[in-house]
Each structure stands twice: as C-alpha cells, then as structure tokens.
Protein backbone atom coordinates (compact mmCIF):
# COMPACT_ATOMS: atom_id res chain seq x y z
CA MET A 1 24.11 120.95 49.68
CA PRO A 2 25.62 116.94 48.99
CA LEU A 3 25.36 114.60 51.65
CA ARG A 4 27.84 115.05 54.04
CA PRO A 5 28.06 111.30 56.14
CA ARG A 6 29.94 111.34 58.94
CA ALA A 7 31.02 108.94 61.66
CA SER A 8 29.44 108.22 64.85
CA SER A 9 30.34 107.74 68.44
CA GLN A 10 29.35 104.07 67.95
CA PRO A 11 31.48 101.56 65.66
CA GLY A 12 29.38 100.23 62.73
CA ARG A 13 27.36 103.23 62.22
CA GLY A 14 27.12 106.25 60.55
CA VAL A 15 25.16 109.59 60.80
CA VAL A 16 23.91 111.62 57.34
CA LEU A 17 23.03 115.43 56.94
CA LEU A 18 20.43 115.21 54.80
CA SER A 19 18.99 118.64 52.60
CA PRO A 20 15.85 119.70 52.39
CA LYS A 21 15.10 118.61 49.06
CA VAL A 22 16.05 114.83 50.86
CA THR A 23 13.62 115.73 53.10
CA ALA A 24 11.07 116.36 50.89
CA VAL A 25 10.73 112.79 49.57
CA LEU A 26 10.08 111.40 52.47
CA ARG A 27 6.71 113.18 52.93
CA PRO A 28 3.75 112.02 51.03
CA ARG A 29 3.45 115.18 48.80
CA ALA A 30 4.04 115.33 45.23
CA VAL A 31 7.44 116.57 44.45
CA THR A 32 8.74 118.17 41.43
CA SER A 33 10.64 116.29 38.29
CA SER A 34 13.30 118.76 38.73
CA SER A 35 13.14 118.45 42.04
CA ARG A 36 13.23 114.82 42.40
CA ALA A 37 16.65 114.38 39.63
CA ALA A 38 18.10 116.45 41.98
CA VAL A 39 17.51 114.21 45.28
CA GLU A 40 18.76 110.86 42.66
CA ASP A 41 21.73 112.86 41.82
CA GLN A 42 22.50 113.76 45.63
CA LEU A 43 21.72 109.86 46.35
CA SER A 44 23.73 108.40 43.46
CA CYS A 45 26.89 106.38 43.89
CA PRO A 46 29.83 108.25 42.42
CA VAL A 47 30.95 105.00 40.94
CA CYS A 48 27.96 103.13 39.40
CA CYS A 49 26.51 106.55 39.13
CA GLU A 50 22.72 104.81 40.22
CA ILE A 51 21.03 105.12 43.60
CA PHE A 52 23.06 103.69 46.52
CA ALA A 53 22.31 99.44 47.03
CA ASP A 54 23.76 99.05 50.50
CA PRO A 55 25.89 102.16 51.16
CA VAL A 56 28.97 102.06 53.01
CA VAL A 57 30.76 105.50 54.19
CA LEU A 58 34.22 105.82 54.06
CA ARG A 59 36.30 107.76 56.81
CA CYS A 60 36.59 110.77 54.45
CA SER A 61 32.99 110.45 54.25
CA HIS A 62 32.30 109.42 50.99
CA SER A 63 29.76 106.99 50.30
CA PHE A 64 29.58 103.85 47.79
CA CYS A 65 27.37 100.73 46.83
CA ARG A 66 29.69 98.47 49.08
CA THR A 67 29.69 95.87 45.82
CA CYS A 68 31.05 99.23 43.62
CA LEU A 69 33.61 99.96 46.06
CA ASN A 70 34.75 96.09 46.72
CA GLN A 71 34.65 95.87 42.65
CA PHE A 72 36.85 99.28 42.44
CA TRP A 73 39.27 97.97 44.98
CA SER A 74 39.98 94.24 43.66
CA LYS A 75 40.64 95.65 40.53
CA LYS A 76 41.65 99.33 40.49
CA SER A 77 43.08 100.16 43.97
CA PRO A 78 44.80 97.21 46.01
CA LYS A 79 45.88 99.76 48.18
CA ARG A 80 41.98 100.43 49.41
CA GLU A 81 42.20 103.85 48.20
CA CYS A 82 38.84 106.35 48.62
CA PRO A 83 37.50 106.37 44.63
CA VAL A 84 36.84 110.10 44.79
CA CYS A 85 39.95 111.95 46.73
CA ARG A 86 41.77 109.04 46.84
CA ARG A 87 42.58 109.04 50.29
CA ARG A 88 43.75 105.18 52.33
CA CYS A 89 41.12 103.87 54.00
CA SER A 90 40.97 101.20 56.73
CA LEU A 91 41.62 97.53 56.58
CA THR A 92 38.33 96.71 58.26
CA GLU A 93 35.30 96.86 56.69
CA PRO A 94 33.40 100.33 55.74
CA THR A 95 30.68 101.55 57.97
CA VAL A 96 27.30 100.80 57.06
CA SER A 97 25.43 103.91 56.27
CA LEU A 98 22.01 102.71 57.75
CA VAL A 99 20.29 106.07 57.45
CA LEU A 100 21.40 106.74 53.80
CA LYS A 101 20.39 103.27 53.37
CA ASN A 102 16.79 103.90 54.23
CA VAL A 103 16.29 106.88 52.45
CA CYS A 104 17.50 105.46 49.06
CA GLU A 105 14.95 102.63 49.63
CA THR A 106 12.56 105.26 50.04
CA LEU A 107 13.11 107.08 46.87
CA VAL A 108 12.86 103.72 44.90
CA GLN A 109 9.93 102.60 46.58
CA GLU A 110 8.52 106.14 45.45
CA GLN A 111 9.48 105.50 42.33
CA MET A 112 7.74 101.94 41.97
CA GLY A 113 4.73 103.54 43.91
CA LEU A 114 5.22 101.47 46.75
CA SER A 115 5.32 102.02 50.05
CA THR A 116 8.44 102.94 51.70
CA PRO A 117 10.16 99.52 53.63
CA PRO A 118 10.58 99.53 57.46
CA SER A 119 13.18 102.16 58.80
CA SER A 120 15.06 99.51 60.35
CA PRO A 121 14.41 96.02 61.68
CA GLY A 122 12.77 96.53 64.67
CA THR A 123 10.19 98.80 63.03
CA THR A 124 6.60 96.73 63.28
CA ALA A 125 4.28 99.54 62.05
CA LYS A 126 2.93 98.22 58.20
CA ARG A 127 2.43 100.92 55.83
CA LEU A 128 -0.01 100.89 53.43
CA ASP A 129 0.86 101.52 49.45
CA LEU A 130 0.20 104.85 48.50
CA CYS A 131 -1.64 105.19 44.92
CA PRO A 132 1.18 106.60 42.19
CA THR A 133 -1.21 109.19 40.80
CA HIS A 134 -3.20 110.28 44.14
CA ARG A 135 -0.95 109.40 46.69
CA GLU A 136 -4.17 108.01 48.55
CA PRO A 137 -3.81 104.72 50.26
CA LEU A 138 -4.80 101.52 47.84
CA LYS A 139 -7.66 99.91 49.25
CA LEU A 140 -9.55 98.44 46.33
CA PHE A 141 -8.67 95.51 43.92
CA CYS A 142 -9.57 96.41 40.09
CA HIS A 143 -10.54 92.32 38.82
CA ASP A 144 -10.93 93.83 35.15
CA ASP A 145 -7.69 96.24 34.78
CA GLN A 146 -5.80 92.68 37.59
CA GLU A 147 -4.48 96.72 39.39
CA LEU A 148 -4.96 98.39 42.58
CA LEU A 149 -6.91 101.41 43.41
CA CYS A 150 -7.57 104.00 45.43
CA CYS A 151 -10.79 105.46 46.47
CA VAL A 152 -10.57 108.09 43.88
CA CYS A 153 -9.40 105.81 41.20
CA HIS A 154 -12.57 103.89 41.93
CA THR A 155 -14.53 106.90 40.87
CA SER A 156 -12.97 107.72 38.17
CA LYS A 157 -14.36 106.92 34.81
CA LYS A 158 -11.34 104.48 33.63
CA HIS A 159 -12.58 101.69 36.25
CA GLN A 160 -16.50 102.81 36.03
CA GLY A 161 -18.88 99.80 35.57
CA HIS A 162 -15.42 97.36 36.90
CA ARG A 163 -15.54 94.60 39.17
CA VAL A 164 -14.11 96.07 42.63
CA CYS A 165 -13.39 94.75 46.27
CA PRO A 166 -11.62 95.69 48.80
CA ILE A 167 -7.77 94.11 48.30
CA GLU A 168 -7.95 91.80 51.44
CA GLU A 169 -10.76 90.11 49.62
CA ALA A 170 -9.66 90.53 46.31
CA ALA A 171 -6.37 88.55 47.66
CA GLN A 172 -7.85 86.03 49.59
CA ASP A 173 -10.04 84.87 46.44
CA LEU A 174 -7.31 84.92 43.94
CA LYS A 175 -5.15 83.03 46.45
CA ALA A 176 -7.51 80.19 46.83
CA GLU A 177 -7.61 80.32 42.91
CA LEU A 178 -3.59 80.29 42.50
CA LYS A 179 -3.35 77.83 45.34
CA LYS A 180 -6.11 75.61 42.89
CA GLU A 181 -4.54 75.88 39.96
CA LEU A 182 -1.04 74.91 41.57
CA LEU A 183 -2.24 72.15 42.90
CA PRO A 184 -1.89 69.73 39.81
CA MET A 185 1.32 71.47 39.12
CA LYS A 186 2.72 70.77 42.23
CA LYS A 187 1.77 66.95 41.48
CA SER A 188 3.44 67.08 38.33
CA LEU A 189 6.28 68.74 40.21
CA ARG A 190 6.13 66.21 42.40
CA GLN A 191 6.02 63.21 39.84
CA LEU A 192 9.52 64.84 38.45
CA TYR A 193 11.19 64.64 41.47
CA GLU A 194 10.39 60.66 42.32
CA ALA A 195 10.89 60.03 38.28
CA LYS A 196 14.63 61.69 38.91
CA GLN A 197 15.03 59.63 41.90
CA GLU A 198 14.38 56.31 40.33
CA ARG A 199 16.11 57.53 37.00
CA ASP A 200 19.28 58.38 40.09
CA ASP A 201 18.53 54.77 41.78
CA ILE A 202 18.44 52.99 38.57
CA THR A 203 21.69 54.58 37.56
CA VAL A 204 23.06 53.50 40.95
CA HIS A 205 21.55 50.03 40.03
CA ILE A 206 23.56 49.57 36.86
CA LYS A 207 26.37 50.42 38.48
CA ASN A 208 26.51 47.44 41.35
CA GLN A 209 24.80 45.04 38.43
CA ARG A 210 28.02 45.74 36.10
CA GLN A 211 30.85 45.37 39.27
CA GLN A 212 28.48 41.94 40.49
CA ALA A 213 28.54 40.44 36.25
CA GLU A 214 32.52 42.18 36.14
CA LYS A 215 32.98 39.93 39.46
CA GLN A 216 31.27 36.86 38.72
CA ILE A 217 33.05 37.19 34.88
CA ARG A 218 35.86 36.96 36.23
CA GLU A 219 35.96 34.31 39.16
CA GLU A 220 34.69 32.70 36.12
CA PHE A 221 37.97 32.68 33.84
CA SER A 222 40.10 32.93 36.84
CA GLU A 223 38.42 29.21 37.65
CA ILE A 224 39.05 28.43 34.28
CA ARG A 225 42.90 29.66 33.15
CA GLN A 226 43.74 28.13 36.86
CA PHE A 227 41.92 24.81 35.04
CA LEU A 228 44.30 25.06 32.18
CA GLU A 229 47.65 25.61 33.65
CA ASN A 230 47.12 22.38 35.58
CA GLN A 231 46.45 20.71 32.47
CA GLU A 232 49.39 22.34 31.01
CA ARG A 233 52.02 21.74 34.25
CA GLU A 234 50.24 17.93 34.16
CA ARG A 235 50.74 17.48 30.41
CA ILE A 236 54.11 19.03 30.57
CA ALA A 237 55.69 16.92 33.31
CA LEU A 238 54.24 14.06 31.80
CA LEU A 239 56.24 15.03 28.18
CA ALA A 240 59.40 15.68 30.51
CA GLU A 241 59.10 12.48 32.34
CA GLU A 242 59.13 10.29 28.41
CA GLU A 243 62.26 12.43 27.44
CA GLU A 244 64.29 11.52 30.78
CA GLU A 245 63.13 8.16 29.62
CA LYS A 246 64.56 7.83 26.42
CA LEU A 247 67.43 10.30 27.16
CA GLN A 248 68.26 7.18 29.67
CA LEU A 249 67.65 4.43 27.51
CA MET A 250 70.14 6.12 24.82
CA LYS A 251 72.60 7.19 27.58
CA LYS A 252 72.65 3.07 28.28
CA ASN A 253 72.94 2.14 24.51
CA THR A 254 75.70 5.05 23.73
CA ASP A 255 78.10 3.29 26.61
CA LYS A 256 77.90 -0.14 25.58
CA LEU A 257 78.62 1.09 22.37
CA SER A 258 81.79 2.94 23.85
CA ARG A 259 83.04 0.39 25.52
CA ASP A 260 83.10 -1.89 21.54
CA ILE A 261 84.69 1.21 20.22
CA LEU A 262 87.26 0.87 23.27
CA THR A 263 87.86 -2.95 22.62
CA PHE A 264 88.53 -2.93 18.97
CA SER A 265 91.03 0.18 18.69
CA HIS A 266 92.97 -2.09 21.43
CA ALA A 267 93.26 -4.31 18.97
CA VAL A 268 94.11 -1.79 16.21
CA ARG A 269 96.92 -0.41 18.13
CA THR A 270 98.43 -3.87 19.11
CA ALA A 271 98.34 -4.37 14.94
CA ASP A 272 100.59 -1.65 14.36
CA ASP A 273 102.68 -1.67 16.97
CA GLU A 274 103.70 -5.46 15.66
CA ILE A 275 104.20 -3.92 12.30
CA ALA A 276 106.29 -1.45 14.16
CA ASN A 277 108.74 -4.16 15.18
CA SER A 278 112.07 -5.13 13.59
CA ASP A 279 111.73 -7.42 10.29
CA ALA A 280 112.99 -10.41 12.14
CA VAL A 281 110.42 -9.88 15.08
CA PHE A 282 107.98 -9.15 12.50
CA LEU A 283 108.06 -12.24 10.25
CA GLN A 284 108.54 -14.22 13.64
CA HIS A 285 105.08 -13.21 14.42
CA TYR A 286 103.87 -12.75 11.20
CA ARG A 287 101.45 -15.91 10.97
CA ASN A 288 100.11 -14.83 14.61
CA ILE A 289 99.63 -11.08 13.42
CA ARG A 290 97.94 -12.13 10.40
CA LYS A 291 95.05 -14.51 11.98
CA ARG A 292 94.53 -11.34 14.67
CA LEU A 293 94.11 -9.27 11.58
CA VAL A 294 91.78 -11.50 9.79
CA CYS A 295 89.88 -12.13 13.02
CA ALA A 296 89.78 -8.20 13.75
CA ALA A 297 88.94 -7.13 10.27
CA LEU A 298 86.09 -10.29 10.28
CA VAL A 299 84.78 -8.53 13.45
CA ILE A 300 84.63 -5.48 12.20
CA SER A 301 83.06 -6.83 9.56
CA ILE A 302 80.53 -8.50 11.62
CA PHE A 303 79.71 -5.11 13.61
CA CYS A 304 79.26 -2.90 10.21
CA ALA A 305 77.31 -5.53 9.14
CA MET A 306 74.91 -5.62 11.89
CA MET A 307 74.33 -1.44 12.41
CA SER A 308 73.75 -1.73 8.74
CA ASP A 309 69.98 -1.83 7.23
CA SER A 310 71.04 -5.34 5.56
CA PHE A 311 72.47 -6.79 8.44
CA VAL A 312 69.88 -9.43 8.67
CA GLY A 313 70.31 -10.80 5.59
CA ARG A 314 74.12 -11.26 6.08
CA TYR A 315 74.10 -12.33 9.53
CA GLN A 316 74.44 -15.86 8.43
CA SER A 317 78.05 -15.40 6.94
CA ALA A 318 78.98 -13.17 9.01
CA ALA A 319 78.36 -15.61 11.76
CA GLY A 320 79.96 -18.61 9.57
CA LEU A 321 83.28 -16.42 9.10
CA TRP A 322 83.04 -15.77 12.98
CA GLY A 323 83.47 -19.66 13.54
CA MET A 324 86.45 -20.30 10.78
CA CYS A 325 88.73 -17.95 12.51
CA CYS A 326 87.83 -19.22 16.51
CA ASP A 327 90.82 -20.94 16.83
CA CYS A 328 92.86 -17.58 16.72
CA ARG A 329 94.39 -15.93 20.57
CA MET A 330 93.44 -12.63 20.23
CA GLN A 331 90.96 -11.14 23.28
CA VAL A 332 88.14 -9.66 21.40
CA THR A 333 84.84 -9.11 23.26
CA PHE A 334 82.47 -8.29 21.36
CA SER A 335 78.16 -8.20 21.76
CA GLU A 336 76.16 -7.74 18.75
CA PRO A 337 74.42 -3.75 18.63
CA GLU A 338 71.52 -3.68 19.06
CA LYS A 339 69.44 -1.02 16.89
CA VAL A 340 67.37 0.75 20.14
CA PRO A 341 63.31 0.34 19.68
CA ALA A 342 61.20 3.44 20.26
CA ALA A 343 64.04 5.65 21.04
CA LEU A 344 62.32 9.07 19.76
CA ILE A 345 59.41 10.86 21.94
CA ASN A 346 55.93 9.79 21.09
CA VAL A 347 54.68 13.36 20.35
CA ALA A 348 51.61 12.52 18.89
CA LYS A 349 50.45 10.89 22.35
CA HIS A 350 51.10 14.57 23.90
CA ILE A 351 49.16 16.70 21.03
CA SER A 352 46.79 14.41 19.33
CA SER A 353 43.44 15.87 20.03
CA LEU A 354 44.58 18.04 22.70
CA LYS A 355 41.82 20.58 22.76
CA PHE A 356 39.34 17.94 22.81
CA SER A 357 40.77 15.77 25.20
CA LEU A 358 40.72 19.39 27.56
CA TRP A 359 37.36 19.47 26.53
CA GLU A 360 36.44 16.34 27.33
CA LYS A 361 38.11 17.30 30.88
CA MET A 362 35.98 20.34 31.69
CA GLN A 363 32.74 18.84 31.15
CA PRO A 364 32.78 18.01 34.91
CA MET A 365 33.28 22.16 36.11
CA VAL A 366 30.67 22.97 33.78
CA GLU A 367 26.89 23.00 34.93
CA TYR A 368 24.05 23.00 31.64
CA THR A 369 21.38 24.85 32.67
CA PRO A 370 18.21 24.27 30.65
CA VAL A 371 16.44 27.97 32.29
CA THR A 372 18.55 31.13 32.93
CA LEU A 373 16.23 33.63 35.08
CA ASP A 374 16.13 37.32 34.90
CA ALA A 375 17.09 39.12 37.53
CA ASN A 376 15.26 42.12 35.86
CA THR A 377 11.76 40.84 36.23
CA ALA A 378 12.31 39.37 39.21
CA TYR A 379 9.48 39.62 42.46
CA PRO A 380 11.35 41.86 45.20
CA CYS A 381 10.67 39.25 47.48
CA LEU A 382 12.67 36.56 45.19
CA MET A 383 16.62 35.59 46.33
CA LEU A 384 18.14 34.89 42.89
CA SER A 385 21.54 32.62 42.85
CA LYS A 386 24.72 34.31 41.50
CA ASN A 387 24.59 32.06 38.26
CA LEU A 388 20.89 32.88 38.12
CA THR A 389 19.94 29.61 38.39
CA ARG A 390 18.03 28.97 41.37
CA VAL A 391 15.46 31.27 42.97
CA SER A 392 13.97 31.28 46.52
CA ASN A 393 11.50 33.52 48.34
CA SER A 394 12.68 34.95 51.22
CA GLY A 395 9.73 37.03 52.43
CA VAL A 396 11.64 40.27 52.46
CA MET A 397 11.13 43.11 49.93
CA GLN A 398 14.31 44.35 48.34
CA LYS A 399 14.89 47.96 47.63
CA LEU A 400 14.96 47.15 43.95
CA PRO A 401 14.12 49.69 40.62
CA ASP A 402 10.98 49.98 39.63
CA ASN A 403 11.50 49.12 35.97
CA PRO A 404 8.57 48.24 33.90
CA GLU A 405 9.96 44.93 33.30
CA ARG A 406 9.92 43.54 36.54
CA PHE A 407 6.80 41.78 38.58
CA ASP A 408 4.90 43.72 41.11
CA HIS A 409 2.11 41.88 41.94
CA PHE A 410 2.50 38.39 41.27
CA VAL A 411 5.45 36.66 42.68
CA PHE A 412 6.80 35.42 39.65
CA VAL A 413 10.25 35.67 37.76
CA LEU A 414 11.16 35.47 33.99
CA GLY A 415 14.01 32.90 32.61
CA SER A 416 15.40 32.52 29.61
CA ARG A 417 15.19 28.82 27.81
CA VAL A 418 18.23 28.15 26.08
CA SER A 419 19.58 25.10 23.98
CA SER A 420 22.53 23.36 23.83
CA GLN A 421 23.49 25.47 21.11
CA ASP A 422 23.22 29.08 23.47
CA ALA A 423 20.04 29.87 21.27
CA THR A 424 17.12 30.75 22.85
CA ALA A 425 14.41 29.90 22.63
CA GLY A 426 12.37 31.82 24.44
CA ARG A 427 10.70 33.01 27.95
CA TRP A 428 8.73 31.82 30.30
CA ARG A 429 7.62 31.22 33.74
C-alpha cells in the first residue's frame, strides 16, 4: 500500500497513513531484507529515487523532497506542476509532512545502526543507541577496537580480553585526552590568527606609508616647481624689459634718420624743379643751382662717409669740403648720424650658466641633514618629523606594525648617515 498523504485541517501540517510494512520499521525488531527494501521503495522520492529528505506534500497528495521539487519547478516546470500527475499546484509553499519526515529519519538511523531521532522538536526523552547486530542498547566501549558494544557483544569471542568500560567513562577519558591533544593545536591556531591579523595590519600600514610618502613627494616637487616658475617669470620679465629698452633706442635713432632723409629729399626735389624751368630762367639761376648741387652732393657724400665703416679715415677731408661751400645759401640742416652702440640684446647675460644660477638660488630652500631617521625601526612612543630629520618622545605608545626591525624594548631609532654625494655610509643609533 503506497503512502497516501492528505492535507490536515491545520494549515502547514499533513497526515500520512502508513502501511503495516512501514510501521514495522519503527519497532525495535529485526526485519527481513525484502521487507526493508519494500519500505525503502515506498519512502523514496519520485524525482531523486532516494529516501525522502525534508519531505513536502502537495495538494494532489504526492510527496517529494523539498530540494528536488524546487529544482524541478525552476528547471522543467515554471508553472509549478506536480512531477507525477502534472496537476497545477498553489503558489504558496508546499506543506511540510512531519510524520513522513520522522519515518524517513527513523529508517535512515536504523540503517546506520543509530538511535532514531526525536519524533518532534519538543521531545526531550533521549533514546539509547541500539546494536545493529543484536538490537540491544549500546552501553559499553571497546578501547582496543574503538567501537561501541552491547552486553552480548562484550561476551562474544571477538572482544574477549579487550579493555571494555562503560560508555560514560570511556567518553570522559577520551574527551579529556582529545582536549589535551587539542591544546597545542588551538595554540597554533591562535598564533596563526594573530599572524594573519599582523599581516593585515602591516598591509594597511604599507598603504598608509605609500599615501603619506606620495603626499610629501608631491609637496616637495610642487615647491620646486613653484620656485622654478617664479624664476622663469622673473627672467622672462628681465628679457622683455631689455627688449623694450633696445626697441626705444632704435626708434629714437630711426626717427632722426627719417628727418634727415626728408631734408635731403627736399634738396633733390628743389634741384629737379630748377632743371624743369625754361632755359632763360634755368640759365639765370644756373650758378646758384650749381652751388646748391655741389653742396648737396657734398652733404650726401659726408653722410655716406659717416654711415660707412671707413668714416673715421674720411672725416677730416669731408669736413674740409664742407667748409669750402659754406658760402652757399642752401637751407640744409644736417646732423651727423651716429652708430647705435649696444643696440642688441645681451643674450649671454640671460642664459649664461642658467642652471648653475638656479642651483645657487635654490640653496636656501634645500635643507641638508647628515642623518635620515628610519621610521620602520622607531620605538612606538617616538614621534618623527615629516622629513625624518627630528624625533621626540611623546610618551604615548602608537599602534604600529610589530615588524622585526622595530625596537620594542629600548627607546631607540636607527638612522642613515648620508654624505653630500647622497651615498649611504652606514646606519647608527
């Protein structure tokens, strides 16, 4: 007769009618292998073909393992159909079959030779373990074979002469022995946990070290960049100032030359106008025109001589010619043109030994210290400056990694002695 679970009047519970074969399993009597096989077949899940584990019953009275039913619905039947009869099921959670669950657990415990578990969570009575061979309570323990015995097993030849004692006494002795053996393991485990925590703390400290060092490096380079930018602006401003001076000087000289050019152009145009007059007029004015042309030619020659590289050698002869024609009435004003001294920018002044000059100016902002302290060796109560050049005793123990290099008994810190060439000469306290 198969299991026929039906819904009970109370929600969340079910009543299971058991056949005589199933009921016989619950009795502490030996059963035949054929009967046991028949019982296992009736208590098997139709999906996994194993004995029910956490069985639930549907409205169609078919029972399944909860896990098997959920897997079937999620993979093969999203509409929540019964795996056997394909009948639609409700959307609520399937009803737990406590009776069927207890029966299955009883069968499993019987197969393992252990006691059946309590039929419900409220049961407090503890049942004795039963011998799988003789169905007698297991009250003894064999130290030689390390197994539980009943009174019949104790008298058998298999355990004759063995060290046998009550299970309470054996459990107490073995528990004490096991606890003693676990002590070093627990100590080692505790040390492993502490070592792992120490590594975790060091990992966090490493990240903090990197962040602080990176911040300080950025600040140092930012200061250097600011200094160089200021020096760059200052030097470019000086260069622009000298450029303005040179341009003003050249403008002044160019304006003077423009005025002289205008004067000479007027003399030439006047002579051209006289030539263009009628013959009578031209002949009447020829003498004056001739003198003016001679004077103009002389002035131009003097000007060209002054502008040429050989002006110094020709100046005296040009001045004598100028005196010979002083009686002419030509209205020509001429100022001797001068070559502009130091007209170009002194580039060498601005770029000569530029890097060396910057290095000299950087000296005041560079702090040289012969010793750099090693923060990884400092005693926990010592406070080091950001640049690792000064140390003070705060009197408060800081939470720092317990690395092997750190002093933990003496208030010391190691330092690196650095030469001017930035070479490490050694370490000292």
